[in-house]
Protein backbone atom coordinates (compact mmCIF):
# COMPACT_ATOMS: atom_id res chain seq x y z
CA UNK A 1 0.00 -0.01 0.00
CA UNK A 2 1.32 3.45 -0.93
CA UNK A 3 2.05 5.25 2.41
CA UNK A 4 1.59 8.64 0.76
CA UNK A 5 -1.32 8.38 -1.70
CA UNK A 6 -2.20 11.51 -3.71
CA UNK A 7 -5.51 12.76 -2.41
CA UNK A 8 -5.67 16.22 -3.94
CA UNK A 9 -5.55 17.60 -7.50
CA UNK A 10 -5.94 14.16 -9.01
CA UNK A 11 -7.57 15.59 -12.08
CA UNK A 12 -6.09 19.10 -12.15
CA UNK A 13 -3.75 19.68 -15.11
CA UNK A 14 -2.69 23.15 -14.12
CA UNK A 15 -3.68 25.92 -11.68
CA UNK A 16 -2.37 29.26 -12.83
CA UNK A 17 -2.86 32.37 -10.63
CA UNK A 18 -4.67 35.23 -12.31
CA UNK A 19 -3.66 38.88 -12.05
CA UNK A 20 -5.65 40.55 -9.30
CA UNK A 21 -8.75 42.62 -10.18
CA UNK A 22 -7.02 45.63 -8.77
CA UNK A 23 -4.10 45.17 -11.21
CA UNK A 24 -6.35 44.80 -14.24
CA UNK A 25 -8.41 47.82 -13.21
CA UNK A 26 -5.27 49.93 -12.77
CA UNK A 27 -3.95 48.79 -16.18
CA UNK A 28 -7.30 49.54 -17.89
CA UNK A 29 -8.82 52.25 -15.77
CA UNK A 30 -12.25 53.82 -16.29
CA UNK A 31 -12.40 57.58 -16.72
CA UNK A 32 -14.61 59.88 -14.69
CA UNK A 33 -16.77 60.39 -17.72
CA UNK A 34 -17.15 56.62 -18.24
CA UNK A 35 -18.08 56.10 -14.60
CA UNK A 36 -20.62 58.91 -14.78
CA UNK A 37 -22.18 57.39 -17.90
CA UNK A 38 -22.48 53.91 -16.32
CA UNK A 39 -24.10 55.42 -13.22
CA UNK A 40 -26.55 57.41 -15.34
CA UNK A 41 -27.45 54.42 -17.53
CA UNK A 42 -28.07 52.25 -14.49
CA UNK A 43 -30.34 54.91 -13.04
CA UNK A 44 -32.30 55.12 -16.32
CA UNK A 45 -32.75 51.35 -16.35
CA UNK A 46 -33.95 51.43 -12.72
CA UNK A 47 -36.49 54.03 -13.59
CA UNK A 48 -37.79 52.04 -16.54
CA UNK A 49 -38.09 48.87 -14.45
CA UNK A 50 -39.83 50.83 -11.70
CA UNK A 51 -42.35 52.44 -14.13
CA UNK A 52 -40.96 55.97 -13.62
CA UNK A 53 -39.68 56.17 -17.17
CA UNK A 54 -42.23 55.07 -19.80
CA UNK A 55 -39.75 54.00 -22.51
CA UNK A 56 -39.31 50.37 -23.40
CA UNK A 57 -35.92 48.95 -22.39
CA UNK A 58 -34.46 46.87 -25.26
CA UNK A 59 -31.34 44.68 -24.72
CA UNK A 60 -30.06 43.87 -28.21
CA UNK A 61 -26.82 42.69 -29.71
CA UNK A 62 -24.73 39.63 -30.57
CA UNK A 63 -25.40 36.41 -28.76
CA UNK A 64 -21.71 36.55 -27.83
CA UNK A 65 -18.71 38.75 -28.67
CA UNK A 66 -15.99 36.70 -30.39
CA UNK A 67 -14.59 39.34 -32.76
CA UNK A 68 -14.15 42.76 -31.17
CA UNK A 69 -13.69 44.49 -34.53
CA UNK A 70 -17.14 43.25 -35.73
CA UNK A 71 -18.55 44.07 -32.30
CA UNK A 72 -17.31 47.62 -32.54
CA UNK A 73 -18.77 48.03 -36.00
CA UNK A 74 -22.12 46.78 -34.62
CA UNK A 75 -21.84 49.22 -31.70
CA UNK A 76 -21.37 52.22 -33.99
CA UNK A 77 -24.48 51.36 -35.94
CA UNK A 78 -26.27 50.71 -32.66
CA UNK A 79 -25.38 54.14 -31.30
CA UNK A 80 -26.92 55.87 -34.35
CA UNK A 81 -30.16 53.92 -33.98
CA UNK A 82 -30.27 54.44 -30.21
CA UNK A 83 -30.01 58.19 -30.65
CA UNK A 84 -32.68 58.17 -33.33
CA UNK A 85 -35.20 56.21 -31.20
CA UNK A 86 -34.35 57.52 -27.73
CA UNK A 87 -37.74 59.17 -27.19
CA UNK A 88 -39.57 55.77 -27.13
CA UNK A 89 -36.84 53.13 -26.60
CA UNK A 90 -33.81 52.85 -24.33
CA UNK A 91 -31.37 50.67 -26.21
CA UNK A 92 -28.70 48.69 -24.30
CA UNK A 93 -26.13 46.61 -26.20
CA UNK A 94 -25.50 42.94 -25.42
CA UNK A 95 -21.81 42.54 -24.67
CA UNK A 96 -21.74 38.85 -23.64
CA UNK A 97 -18.32 37.40 -22.86
CA UNK A 98 -19.33 34.23 -20.93
CA UNK A 99 -21.44 31.44 -22.44
CA UNK A 100 -23.06 28.75 -20.30
CA UNK A 101 -22.88 25.23 -21.74
CA UNK A 102 -25.29 22.32 -21.25
CA UNK A 103 -22.39 19.92 -21.93
CA UNK A 104 -19.29 21.37 -23.63
CA UNK A 105 -18.41 24.06 -26.15
CA UNK A 106 -16.75 27.46 -26.51
CA UNK A 107 -17.27 29.25 -23.20
CA UNK A 108 -16.82 32.79 -24.42
CA UNK A 109 -14.20 35.46 -25.02
CA UNK A 110 -13.02 35.68 -21.40
CA UNK A 111 -12.37 31.93 -21.12
CA UNK A 112 -10.93 31.42 -24.66
CA UNK A 113 -10.15 34.72 -26.36
CA UNK A 114 -8.04 33.10 -29.14
CA UNK A 115 -10.86 30.68 -30.09
CA UNK A 116 -8.45 27.74 -30.11
CA UNK A 117 -8.88 26.02 -26.77
CA UNK A 118 -5.78 27.62 -25.20
CA UNK A 119 -7.96 29.24 -22.54
CA UNK A 120 -5.83 32.35 -21.98
CA UNK A 121 -8.04 33.82 -19.30
CA UNK A 122 -5.76 36.76 -18.34
CA UNK A 123 -5.81 37.86 -21.98
CA UNK A 124 -9.56 37.32 -22.11
CA UNK A 125 -10.18 39.50 -19.09
CA UNK A 126 -8.03 42.20 -20.57
CA UNK A 127 -9.74 42.13 -23.99
CA UNK A 128 -13.17 42.12 -22.37
CA UNK A 129 -12.44 45.16 -20.21
CA UNK A 130 -10.82 47.07 -23.07
CA UNK A 131 -13.83 46.35 -25.32
CA UNK A 132 -16.32 47.42 -22.65
CA UNK A 133 -14.42 50.68 -22.22
CA UNK A 134 -14.67 51.28 -25.95
CA UNK A 135 -18.43 50.71 -25.92
CA UNK A 136 -19.01 52.96 -22.93
CA UNK A 137 -16.90 55.68 -24.60
CA UNK A 138 -19.49 55.62 -27.46
CA UNK A 139 -22.21 56.38 -24.82
CA UNK A 140 -23.76 52.98 -25.29
CA UNK A 141 -25.09 51.23 -22.17
CA UNK A 142 -23.80 47.65 -21.79
CA UNK A 143 -25.47 44.39 -20.87
CA UNK A 144 -23.93 41.01 -20.12
CA UNK A 145 -24.57 37.68 -18.40
CA UNK A 146 -22.42 37.12 -15.37
CA UNK A 147 -21.62 33.47 -15.17
CA UNK A 148 -18.44 32.97 -13.12
CA UNK A 149 -18.73 34.64 -9.70
CA UNK A 150 -15.16 35.94 -9.94
CA UNK A 151 -15.64 37.78 -13.23
CA UNK A 152 -17.55 40.78 -11.87
CA UNK A 153 -14.49 42.00 -9.97
CA UNK A 154 -12.78 42.56 -13.32
CA UNK A 155 -15.56 44.11 -15.44
CA UNK A 156 -18.70 44.94 -13.39
CA UNK A 157 -17.86 48.66 -13.07
CA UNK A 158 -18.41 49.00 -16.83
CA UNK A 159 -21.74 47.12 -17.01
CA UNK A 160 -25.12 48.89 -17.00
CA UNK A 161 -27.37 45.79 -16.70
CA UNK A 162 -26.75 42.09 -16.16
CA UNK A 163 -28.57 38.84 -16.47
CA UNK A 164 -28.47 35.61 -14.47
CA UNK A 165 -29.17 32.89 -16.95
CA UNK A 166 -31.66 30.09 -17.08
CA UNK A 167 -29.08 27.52 -15.91
CA UNK A 168 -27.99 29.55 -12.91
CA UNK A 169 -31.13 31.31 -11.61
CA UNK A 170 -31.52 28.46 -9.11
CA UNK A 171 -27.90 28.68 -8.04
CA UNK A 172 -27.26 29.96 -4.49
CA UNK A 173 -23.86 31.14 -5.60
CA UNK A 174 -25.34 33.39 -8.30
CA UNK A 175 -28.16 34.67 -6.14
CA UNK A 176 -25.61 35.73 -3.50
CA UNK A 177 -23.40 37.28 -6.14
CA UNK A 178 -26.34 39.26 -7.48
CA UNK A 179 -27.14 40.58 -4.01
CA UNK A 180 -23.83 42.50 -4.11
CA UNK A 181 -23.80 43.75 -7.69
CA UNK A 182 -24.28 47.42 -8.37
CA UNK A 183 -26.39 47.25 -11.52
CA UNK A 184 -29.97 46.11 -12.14
CA UNK A 185 -30.19 42.35 -12.59
CA UNK A 186 -32.63 40.14 -14.56
CA UNK A 187 -33.22 36.52 -13.57
CA UNK A 188 -34.38 34.22 -16.37
CA UNK A 189 -36.89 31.46 -15.77
CA UNK A 190 -35.25 28.05 -15.78
CA UNK A 191 -34.58 25.81 -18.80
CA UNK A 192 -37.73 23.85 -17.89
CA UNK A 193 -39.72 27.07 -18.01
CA UNK A 194 -40.22 27.32 -14.27
CA UNK A 195 -40.97 30.87 -13.13
CA UNK A 196 -40.91 30.26 -9.42
CA UNK A 197 -37.14 29.83 -9.34
CA UNK A 198 -36.61 33.30 -10.85
CA UNK A 199 -39.01 34.87 -8.36
CA UNK A 200 -37.27 33.04 -5.46
CA UNK A 201 -33.94 34.30 -6.89
CA UNK A 202 -35.20 37.86 -6.57
CA UNK A 203 -36.21 37.16 -3.00
CA UNK A 204 -32.68 35.95 -2.22
CA UNK A 205 -30.79 38.63 -4.21
CA UNK A 206 -32.69 41.56 -2.62
CA UNK A 207 -31.67 40.40 0.89
CA UNK A 208 -28.32 40.80 2.64
CA UNK A 209 -25.98 37.88 2.10
CA UNK A 210 -22.51 36.71 3.24
CA UNK A 211 -20.53 34.37 1.06
CA UNK A 212 -17.09 33.39 -0.14
CA UNK A 213 -15.61 35.67 -2.77
CA UNK A 214 -12.48 37.38 -4.02
CA UNK A 215 -11.20 40.74 -2.96
CA UNK A 216 -9.79 43.38 -5.28
CA UNK A 217 -6.37 42.14 -4.31
CA UNK A 218 -7.26 38.66 -5.57
CA UNK A 219 -7.45 37.17 -2.08
CA UNK A 220 -10.20 34.76 -0.96
CA UNK A 221 -12.54 36.72 1.26
CA UNK A 222 -15.86 36.77 3.09
CA UNK A 223 -18.17 39.15 1.24
CA UNK A 224 -21.20 40.71 2.97
CA UNK A 225 -23.84 42.56 1.00
CA UNK A 226 -26.83 44.78 1.66
CA UNK A 227 -28.94 43.19 -1.10
CA UNK A 228 -29.72 44.45 -4.59
CA UNK A 229 -33.15 46.10 -4.78
CA UNK A 230 -33.10 46.31 -8.62
CA UNK A 231 -33.97 42.76 -9.63
CA UNK A 232 -36.61 41.53 -12.08
CA UNK A 233 -37.77 38.45 -14.00
CA UNK A 234 -36.97 37.60 -17.63
CA UNK A 235 -39.31 35.31 -19.53
CA UNK A 236 -37.34 33.28 -22.06
CA UNK A 237 -39.53 30.26 -22.72
CA UNK A 238 -38.71 26.67 -21.69
CA UNK A 239 -38.82 23.02 -22.62
CA UNK A 240 -42.61 23.09 -22.78
CA UNK A 241 -42.66 25.98 -25.20
CA UNK A 242 -42.71 29.82 -25.29
CA UNK A 243 -44.02 32.07 -22.53
CA UNK A 244 -44.18 35.46 -24.23
CA UNK A 245 -47.94 35.29 -25.05
CA UNK A 246 -50.49 37.53 -23.36
CA UNK A 247 -51.80 34.88 -20.96
CA UNK A 248 -48.30 33.81 -19.89
CA UNK A 249 -47.31 37.41 -19.27
CA UNK A 250 -50.40 38.25 -17.30
CA UNK A 251 -49.95 35.12 -15.09
CA UNK A 252 -46.25 35.95 -14.55
CA UNK A 253 -46.97 39.51 -13.49
CA UNK A 254 -49.61 38.29 -11.06
CA UNK A 255 -47.19 35.81 -9.49
CA UNK A 256 -44.53 38.51 -9.23
CA UNK A 257 -46.89 40.89 -7.49
CA UNK A 258 -48.28 38.21 -5.19
CA UNK A 259 -44.68 37.46 -4.08
CA UNK A 260 -44.35 41.07 -2.99
CA UNK A 261 -42.30 42.51 -5.87
CA UNK A 262 -43.02 45.32 -8.29
CA UNK A 263 -44.98 43.79 -11.21
CA UNK A 264 -42.63 44.37 -14.11
CA UNK A 265 -40.64 41.97 -16.30
CA UNK A 266 -38.57 41.62 -19.40
CA UNK A 267 -39.28 39.21 -22.24
CA UNK A 268 -36.57 37.54 -24.29
CA UNK A 269 -37.62 37.18 -27.93
CA UNK A 270 -34.85 34.70 -28.53
CA UNK A 271 -33.94 31.34 -26.90
CA UNK A 272 -36.94 29.08 -26.25
CA UNK A 273 -39.44 31.84 -27.03
CA UNK A 274 -38.48 31.53 -30.69
CA UNK A 275 -37.33 27.88 -30.48
CA UNK A 276 -33.80 29.20 -31.19
CA UNK A 277 -34.89 29.97 -34.76
CA UNK A 278 -33.80 33.50 -35.64
CA UNK A 279 -36.41 33.64 -38.43
CA UNK A 280 -39.12 33.39 -35.80
CA UNK A 281 -37.62 36.03 -33.55
CA UNK A 282 -39.11 39.07 -35.30
CA UNK A 283 -42.70 37.81 -34.87
CA UNK A 284 -42.10 37.23 -31.16
CA UNK A 285 -40.61 40.68 -30.70
CA UNK A 286 -43.55 42.22 -32.56
CA UNK A 287 -46.00 40.44 -30.30
CA UNK A 288 -44.18 41.71 -27.21
CA UNK A 289 -44.30 45.31 -28.55
CA UNK A 290 -48.03 44.86 -29.42
CA UNK A 291 -48.85 43.83 -25.86
CA UNK A 292 -47.00 46.82 -24.50
CA UNK A 293 -48.61 49.18 -26.97
CA UNK A 294 -52.02 47.86 -25.94
CA UNK A 295 -51.42 48.96 -22.38
CA UNK A 296 -49.49 46.22 -20.58
CA UNK A 297 -46.93 48.49 -18.92
CA UNK A 298 -45.77 45.53 -16.82
CA UNK A 299 -43.61 44.66 -19.83
CA UNK A 300 -40.66 46.91 -19.06
CA UNK A 301 -38.25 45.41 -21.53
CA UNK A 302 -37.46 43.00 -24.35
CA UNK A 303 -34.35 41.22 -25.59
CA UNK A 304 -33.07 40.44 -29.08
CA UNK A 305 -30.10 38.48 -30.33
CA UNK A 306 -28.84 40.53 -33.26
CA UNK A 307 -25.64 40.71 -35.30
CA UNK A 308 -24.32 42.18 -38.52
CA UNK A 309 -25.30 39.06 -40.41
CA UNK A 310 -28.15 36.64 -39.75
CA UNK A 311 -27.90 33.04 -38.57
CA UNK A 312 -24.80 31.49 -37.12
CA UNK A 313 -21.79 29.49 -38.33
CA UNK A 314 -20.30 26.18 -37.31
CA UNK A 315 -17.54 26.33 -34.69
CA UNK A 316 -14.85 25.32 -33.83
CA UNK A 317 -13.03 26.04 -37.10
CA UNK A 318 -9.92 28.01 -38.02
CA UNK A 319 -10.28 31.67 -37.15
CA UNK A 320 -9.38 32.68 -40.67
CA UNK A 321 -12.34 30.68 -42.05
CA UNK A 322 -14.96 32.52 -39.89
CA UNK A 323 -17.51 34.77 -41.56
CA UNK A 324 -17.18 38.35 -40.40
CA UNK A 325 -20.11 39.64 -38.36
CA UNK A 326 -21.87 36.24 -37.93
CA UNK A 327 -22.47 34.50 -34.62
CA UNK A 328 -20.50 31.43 -33.55
CA UNK A 329 -23.03 30.66 -30.82
CA UNK A 330 -26.87 31.16 -31.16
CA UNK A 331 -28.45 32.30 -34.38
CA UNK A 332 -29.07 36.05 -34.58
CA UNK A 333 -31.20 38.31 -36.74
CA UNK A 334 -29.21 40.64 -39.03
CA UNK A 335 -28.70 44.35 -38.71
CA UNK A 336 -31.32 45.30 -41.32
CA UNK A 337 -33.99 43.30 -39.48
CA UNK A 338 -32.92 44.82 -36.21
CA UNK A 339 -33.34 48.34 -37.59
CA UNK A 340 -36.76 47.51 -39.02
CA UNK A 341 -38.02 45.94 -35.77
CA UNK A 342 -36.77 48.72 -33.50
CA UNK A 343 -38.07 51.57 -35.72
CA UNK A 344 -41.41 49.81 -35.93
CA UNK A 345 -41.47 49.37 -32.16
CA UNK A 346 -40.73 53.06 -31.60
CA UNK A 347 -43.60 53.98 -33.94
CA UNK A 348 -45.99 51.59 -32.21
CA UNK A 349 -45.22 52.99 -28.84
């Protein structure tokens, strides 16, 4: 019998320390103007969710950012449209760097910025922060899904709104993390379509929490929070079908109010609400806008997955073979369709 058997790290190939959040933030600092814009955009989103601002909040943009050049081109078009429609819509750009996976697959720009499986996370964190800073400098509010509980320390100060995804809304870790975040947070219903988990998540995230985290110096720490009051539900459909229709929305708002929360929600026109078929996404979005235009002010926001080009492309493949401006994750509608839908929505509202 081996007197000194290995009992730790049996399956760990490497464990590389990351640069501390404080170091990354000092290397890629935010300006006073950028901080002021983030604070202002968060306040606007809070007012929309609370019914104090009557505009429709629209979170739109690529399913995931894999090419920052294409992402920046999208952002410049987005800025022009946002300025044009600002009287009726408040547009926030999807800047998603982390992708949850049911089994395996590319996990996003932060985890694998070179798209080749090398998982250069320090480079990914740097690229993500630099890109966010560019978007904020264009006066575009930013939206992302926060998946890894360490990631916010590196980028959260440049985020206007965040989502907790369908796979993690039931996670105690993510509910605790959300309780300490400084921006409004949307919790999606679960993959099964269960709404109760998202409502329970709001109940947890709005309360004070203490949990294990990482300090700005990169040291394991005990984090205590006061709770995040700016949480809401996102309807994204489920395994049993979509949940954007009028009856689903009315029922969801009733359940939210009965649970003691302000009756407002966001509806995702992508994912299970369009059966992950980007060609069905416009009709879903139009139905959401129609409900809002007919008086359902409980619908505070909507989500679209949109890119320069429609559809998606197979991945992994050599980076040089990728089509510029097309998603490597979920299928998206193209820019022309995005413009048409948002202009039509502004007119309807």
